[in-house]
Amino acid sequence: MGQVRERLPEYPGDIGAGARGKAVEHLQEWLCLNDRALSVDGYFGPVTVAALKSFQREMDLKPKAALDQKTWKSLVEPMEETLTPLSSEEKGDGRLPTLALAY
C-alpha cells in the first residue's frame, strides 16, 4: 500500500475560494474523477466551490467553500483502494486476470 500512497498527490493543505495554483488543479482533477464537471484551470472560483460543496454533501461532510483533510481523504481514498495491489490471498488461484478478461 505504501507504493500507491507515493503515486497519489499528498494532501495540499487547507485551500479555499479565491486560491490559485497547482494545489487547486489537483483538487479540481480529483473532483472530476469523482463525477463533478468542471474545468481544471487552477482557480478556486464559484464553479469549484459548487463542485466541492456538492461532493461534501454527497459524502455527508459539512459543505463549505474550502478543502480540508476529511474532504481530501474522501476524494482520494476510493482510487487509493482501487490501485492497491492484491495480496497473494486475494489473488487466489491466479484465475483473476482470466475472469476479468471474460467480462
N, C-alpha and C. Protein backbone atom coordinates (compact mmCIF):
# COMPACT_ATOMS: atom_id res chain seq x y z
N MET A 1 0.82 -1.18 0.00
CA MET A 1 0.00 0.00 0.00
C MET A 1 0.86 1.25 0.00
N GLY A 2 2.07 1.19 0.57
CA GLY A 2 2.94 2.35 0.60
C GLY A 2 3.29 2.86 -0.79
N GLN A 3 3.46 1.94 -1.75
CA GLN A 3 3.78 2.34 -3.11
C GLN A 3 2.65 3.17 -3.72
N VAL A 4 1.43 2.80 -3.47
CA VAL A 4 0.29 3.54 -4.02
C VAL A 4 0.25 4.93 -3.43
N ARG A 5 0.44 5.05 -2.13
CA ARG A 5 0.40 6.36 -1.48
C ARG A 5 1.43 7.31 -2.09
N GLU A 6 2.58 6.78 -2.50
CA GLU A 6 3.61 7.64 -3.08
C GLU A 6 3.18 8.19 -4.43
N ARG A 7 2.35 7.47 -5.18
CA ARG A 7 1.94 7.92 -6.50
C ARG A 7 0.79 8.92 -6.45
N LEU A 8 -0.02 8.86 -5.40
CA LEU A 8 -1.14 9.78 -5.29
C LEU A 8 -0.65 11.10 -4.70
N PRO A 9 -1.25 12.21 -5.13
CA PRO A 9 -0.82 13.51 -4.59
C PRO A 9 -1.08 13.58 -3.08
N GLU A 10 -0.16 14.20 -2.40
CA GLU A 10 -0.31 14.42 -0.97
C GLU A 10 -1.38 15.47 -0.71
N TYR A 11 -1.95 15.44 0.48
CA TYR A 11 -2.91 16.46 0.88
C TYR A 11 -2.24 17.83 0.72
N PRO A 12 -2.85 18.72 -0.07
CA PRO A 12 -2.20 20.01 -0.36
C PRO A 12 -2.34 21.05 0.75
N GLY A 13 -3.05 20.71 1.81
CA GLY A 13 -3.31 21.68 2.86
C GLY A 13 -4.67 22.33 2.63
N ASP A 14 -5.12 23.06 3.63
CA ASP A 14 -6.42 23.72 3.51
C ASP A 14 -6.33 24.82 2.46
N ILE A 15 -7.21 24.74 1.47
CA ILE A 15 -7.29 25.80 0.45
C ILE A 15 -8.76 26.15 0.27
N GLY A 16 -9.02 27.37 -0.11
CA GLY A 16 -10.41 27.79 -0.23
C GLY A 16 -10.64 28.74 -1.38
N ALA A 17 -11.85 29.24 -1.43
CA ALA A 17 -12.30 30.13 -2.50
C ALA A 17 -11.29 31.26 -2.71
N GLY A 18 -11.00 31.49 -3.99
CA GLY A 18 -10.07 32.55 -4.37
C GLY A 18 -8.64 32.07 -4.57
N ALA A 19 -8.32 30.87 -4.09
CA ALA A 19 -6.96 30.34 -4.22
C ALA A 19 -6.66 30.01 -5.69
N ARG A 20 -5.38 30.00 -6.01
CA ARG A 20 -4.92 29.65 -7.36
C ARG A 20 -3.68 28.78 -7.24
N GLY A 21 -3.46 27.96 -8.28
CA GLY A 21 -2.21 27.21 -8.33
C GLY A 21 -2.39 25.71 -8.49
N LYS A 22 -1.25 24.99 -8.36
CA LYS A 22 -1.22 23.54 -8.56
C LYS A 22 -2.10 22.81 -7.57
N ALA A 23 -2.14 23.25 -6.33
CA ALA A 23 -2.99 22.57 -5.33
C ALA A 23 -4.45 22.61 -5.76
N VAL A 24 -4.86 23.74 -6.31
CA VAL A 24 -6.25 23.87 -6.79
C VAL A 24 -6.46 22.95 -8.00
N GLU A 25 -5.47 22.88 -8.88
CA GLU A 25 -5.58 21.96 -10.03
C GLU A 25 -5.76 20.52 -9.56
N HIS A 26 -4.97 20.11 -8.56
CA HIS A 26 -5.12 18.75 -8.03
C HIS A 26 -6.52 18.53 -7.47
N LEU A 27 -7.02 19.49 -6.73
CA LEU A 27 -8.39 19.39 -6.20
C LEU A 27 -9.38 19.25 -7.34
N GLN A 28 -9.26 20.08 -8.36
CA GLN A 28 -10.19 20.04 -9.49
C GLN A 28 -10.11 18.70 -10.22
N GLU A 29 -8.91 18.17 -10.38
CA GLU A 29 -8.75 16.86 -11.03
C GLU A 29 -9.48 15.78 -10.23
N TRP A 30 -9.32 15.80 -8.92
CA TRP A 30 -9.96 14.79 -8.08
C TRP A 30 -11.47 14.97 -8.05
N LEU A 31 -11.94 16.19 -8.11
CA LEU A 31 -13.38 16.41 -8.21
C LEU A 31 -13.91 15.84 -9.53
N CYS A 32 -13.16 16.04 -10.62
CA CYS A 32 -13.56 15.47 -11.91
C CYS A 32 -13.61 13.94 -11.84
N LEU A 33 -12.61 13.34 -11.20
CA LEU A 33 -12.59 11.88 -11.05
C LEU A 33 -13.76 11.38 -10.20
N ASN A 34 -14.34 12.28 -9.43
CA ASN A 34 -15.50 11.94 -8.59
C ASN A 34 -16.79 12.51 -9.20
N ASP A 35 -16.84 12.50 -10.52
CA ASP A 35 -18.06 12.83 -11.27
C ASP A 35 -18.55 14.26 -11.12
N ARG A 36 -17.64 15.20 -10.95
CA ARG A 36 -18.02 16.60 -10.94
C ARG A 36 -17.50 17.23 -12.22
N ALA A 37 -18.35 17.96 -12.92
CA ALA A 37 -17.96 18.57 -14.19
C ALA A 37 -17.44 19.98 -13.95
N LEU A 38 -16.15 20.16 -14.15
CA LEU A 38 -15.55 21.48 -14.03
C LEU A 38 -14.23 21.50 -14.78
N SER A 39 -13.78 22.69 -15.11
CA SER A 39 -12.50 22.85 -15.79
C SER A 39 -11.37 22.79 -14.78
N VAL A 40 -10.26 22.23 -15.22
CA VAL A 40 -9.05 22.21 -14.39
C VAL A 40 -8.21 23.41 -14.83
N ASP A 41 -8.47 24.54 -14.15
CA ASP A 41 -7.81 25.78 -14.53
C ASP A 41 -6.97 26.39 -13.41
N GLY A 42 -6.96 25.74 -12.26
CA GLY A 42 -6.14 26.23 -11.15
C GLY A 42 -6.74 27.39 -10.38
N TYR A 43 -7.99 27.73 -10.66
CA TYR A 43 -8.65 28.83 -9.95
C TYR A 43 -9.81 28.27 -9.13
N PHE A 44 -9.79 28.53 -7.85
CA PHE A 44 -10.83 28.06 -6.92
C PHE A 44 -11.95 29.10 -6.91
N GLY A 45 -12.69 29.12 -8.01
CA GLY A 45 -13.78 30.07 -8.17
C GLY A 45 -15.13 29.45 -7.86
N PRO A 46 -16.21 30.11 -8.28
CA PRO A 46 -17.56 29.66 -7.96
C PRO A 46 -17.90 28.25 -8.44
N VAL A 47 -17.38 27.85 -9.59
CA VAL A 47 -17.68 26.51 -10.12
C VAL A 47 -17.00 25.45 -9.25
N THR A 48 -15.76 25.71 -8.85
CA THR A 48 -15.05 24.76 -7.98
C THR A 48 -15.72 24.70 -6.61
N VAL A 49 -16.14 25.85 -6.09
CA VAL A 49 -16.84 25.88 -4.81
C VAL A 49 -18.11 25.02 -4.88
N ALA A 50 -18.90 25.21 -5.95
CA ALA A 50 -20.14 24.45 -6.09
C ALA A 50 -19.86 22.95 -6.21
N ALA A 51 -18.83 22.58 -6.98
CA ALA A 51 -18.49 21.16 -7.14
C ALA A 51 -18.02 20.57 -5.82
N LEU A 52 -17.21 21.31 -5.09
CA LEU A 52 -16.71 20.83 -3.80
C LEU A 52 -17.84 20.65 -2.80
N LYS A 53 -18.72 21.64 -2.70
CA LYS A 53 -19.85 21.53 -1.77
C LYS A 53 -20.76 20.36 -2.14
N SER A 54 -20.98 20.15 -3.43
CA SER A 54 -21.79 19.03 -3.88
C SER A 54 -21.16 17.71 -3.43
N PHE A 55 -19.85 17.58 -3.62
CA PHE A 55 -19.15 16.37 -3.21
C PHE A 55 -19.24 16.20 -1.69
N GLN A 56 -19.02 17.26 -0.95
CA GLN A 56 -19.07 17.19 0.51
C GLN A 56 -20.44 16.73 0.99
N ARG A 57 -21.49 17.27 0.40
CA ARG A 57 -22.85 16.85 0.78
C ARG A 57 -23.05 15.36 0.50
N GLU A 58 -22.59 14.91 -0.66
CA GLU A 58 -22.73 13.50 -1.03
C GLU A 58 -22.00 12.59 -0.05
N MET A 59 -20.90 13.06 0.50
CA MET A 59 -20.10 12.27 1.44
C MET A 59 -20.50 12.51 2.90
N ASP A 60 -21.61 13.22 3.11
CA ASP A 60 -22.07 13.56 4.46
C ASP A 60 -21.03 14.35 5.26
N LEU A 61 -20.33 15.22 4.55
CA LEU A 61 -19.40 16.14 5.20
C LEU A 61 -20.05 17.51 5.23
N LYS A 62 -19.61 18.35 6.15
CA LYS A 62 -20.15 19.71 6.22
C LYS A 62 -19.74 20.48 4.97
N PRO A 63 -20.72 20.92 4.15
CA PRO A 63 -20.36 21.65 2.93
C PRO A 63 -19.79 23.03 3.25
N LYS A 64 -18.63 23.29 2.70
CA LYS A 64 -18.00 24.60 2.88
C LYS A 64 -17.13 24.88 1.68
N ALA A 65 -16.79 26.11 1.51
CA ALA A 65 -16.03 26.55 0.34
C ALA A 65 -14.53 26.39 0.57
N ALA A 66 -14.14 25.26 1.17
CA ALA A 66 -12.72 25.02 1.44
C ALA A 66 -12.45 23.53 1.46
N LEU A 67 -11.25 23.17 1.05
CA LEU A 67 -10.79 21.79 1.11
C LEU A 67 -10.15 21.58 2.47
N ASP A 68 -10.60 20.55 3.16
CA ASP A 68 -9.96 20.17 4.42
C ASP A 68 -9.50 18.72 4.30
N GLN A 69 -8.84 18.23 5.34
CA GLN A 69 -8.27 16.88 5.29
C GLN A 69 -9.33 15.79 5.13
N LYS A 70 -10.48 15.93 5.79
CA LYS A 70 -11.53 14.92 5.67
C LYS A 70 -12.05 14.85 4.23
N THR A 71 -12.24 16.00 3.61
CA THR A 71 -12.72 16.03 2.24
C THR A 71 -11.69 15.42 1.30
N TRP A 72 -10.42 15.77 1.48
CA TRP A 72 -9.35 15.21 0.64
C TRP A 72 -9.33 13.69 0.74
N LYS A 73 -9.42 13.19 1.95
CA LYS A 73 -9.40 11.74 2.16
C LYS A 73 -10.58 11.09 1.42
N SER A 74 -11.75 11.71 1.50
CA SER A 74 -12.92 11.17 0.80
C SER A 74 -12.75 11.21 -0.71
N LEU A 75 -12.02 12.20 -1.22
CA LEU A 75 -11.77 12.31 -2.66
C LEU A 75 -10.82 11.22 -3.16
N VAL A 76 -9.73 10.98 -2.44
CA VAL A 76 -8.68 10.10 -2.96
C VAL A 76 -8.77 8.65 -2.48
N GLU A 77 -9.44 8.40 -1.38
CA GLU A 77 -9.47 7.05 -0.80
C GLU A 77 -10.00 5.98 -1.76
N PRO A 78 -11.10 6.21 -2.49
CA PRO A 78 -11.56 5.16 -3.41
C PRO A 78 -10.52 4.79 -4.47
N MET A 79 -9.80 5.78 -5.00
CA MET A 79 -8.78 5.49 -6.01
C MET A 79 -7.60 4.77 -5.37
N GLU A 80 -7.25 5.17 -4.18
CA GLU A 80 -6.16 4.52 -3.48
C GLU A 80 -6.47 3.04 -3.25
N GLU A 81 -7.70 2.75 -2.84
CA GLU A 81 -8.10 1.36 -2.62
C GLU A 81 -8.09 0.59 -3.94
N THR A 82 -8.52 1.22 -5.01
CA THR A 82 -8.55 0.58 -6.32
C THR A 82 -7.15 0.24 -6.81
N LEU A 83 -6.19 1.12 -6.55
CA LEU A 83 -4.83 0.93 -7.04
C LEU A 83 -3.97 0.05 -6.14
N THR A 84 -4.45 -0.27 -4.96
CA THR A 84 -3.68 -1.10 -4.04
C THR A 84 -3.57 -2.51 -4.62
N PRO A 85 -2.34 -3.01 -4.75
CA PRO A 85 -2.17 -4.36 -5.28
C PRO A 85 -2.84 -5.40 -4.40
N LEU A 86 -3.32 -6.46 -5.04
CA LEU A 86 -3.95 -7.55 -4.30
C LEU A 86 -2.89 -8.34 -3.55
N SER A 87 -3.25 -8.81 -2.37
CA SER A 87 -2.37 -9.70 -1.63
C SER A 87 -2.40 -11.07 -2.30
N SER A 88 -1.47 -11.94 -1.94
CA SER A 88 -1.46 -13.28 -2.55
C SER A 88 -2.73 -14.05 -2.19
N GLU A 89 -3.30 -13.80 -1.00
CA GLU A 89 -4.56 -14.47 -0.65
C GLU A 89 -5.70 -13.98 -1.52
N GLU A 90 -5.72 -12.69 -1.82
CA GLU A 90 -6.78 -12.13 -2.65
C GLU A 90 -6.66 -12.58 -4.10
N LYS A 91 -5.43 -12.85 -4.53
CA LYS A 91 -5.23 -13.31 -5.90
C LYS A 91 -5.75 -14.73 -6.09
N GLY A 92 -5.81 -15.48 -5.02
CA GLY A 92 -6.35 -16.83 -5.08
C GLY A 92 -5.55 -17.74 -5.97
N ASP A 93 -6.23 -18.40 -6.87
CA ASP A 93 -5.58 -19.42 -7.70
C ASP A 93 -5.00 -18.87 -9.00
N GLY A 94 -4.95 -17.57 -9.15
CA GLY A 94 -4.38 -16.98 -10.35
C GLY A 94 -5.36 -16.80 -11.48
N ARG A 95 -6.63 -17.12 -11.27
CA ARG A 95 -7.62 -17.01 -12.34
C ARG A 95 -8.21 -15.61 -12.45
N LEU A 96 -7.89 -14.72 -11.53
CA LEU A 96 -8.48 -13.37 -11.54
C LEU A 96 -8.29 -12.65 -12.87
N PRO A 97 -7.08 -12.59 -13.44
CA PRO A 97 -6.95 -11.92 -14.74
C PRO A 97 -7.81 -12.58 -15.83
N THR A 98 -7.90 -13.90 -15.81
CA THR A 98 -8.72 -14.61 -16.79
C THR A 98 -10.18 -14.27 -16.62
N LEU A 99 -10.64 -14.23 -15.38
CA LEU A 99 -12.03 -13.88 -15.10
C LEU A 99 -12.32 -12.43 -15.51
N ALA A 100 -11.38 -11.55 -15.26
CA ALA A 100 -11.58 -10.14 -15.62
C ALA A 100 -11.69 -9.98 -17.13
N LEU A 101 -10.86 -10.72 -17.87
CA LEU A 101 -10.91 -10.63 -19.32
C LEU A 101 -12.19 -11.22 -19.89
N ALA A 102 -12.77 -12.15 -19.17
CA ALA A 102 -14.00 -12.78 -19.64
C ALA A 102 -15.17 -11.80 -19.65
N TYR A 103 -15.08 -10.76 -18.88
CA TYR A 103 -16.17 -9.78 -18.80
C TYR A 103 -15.77 -8.56 -19.55
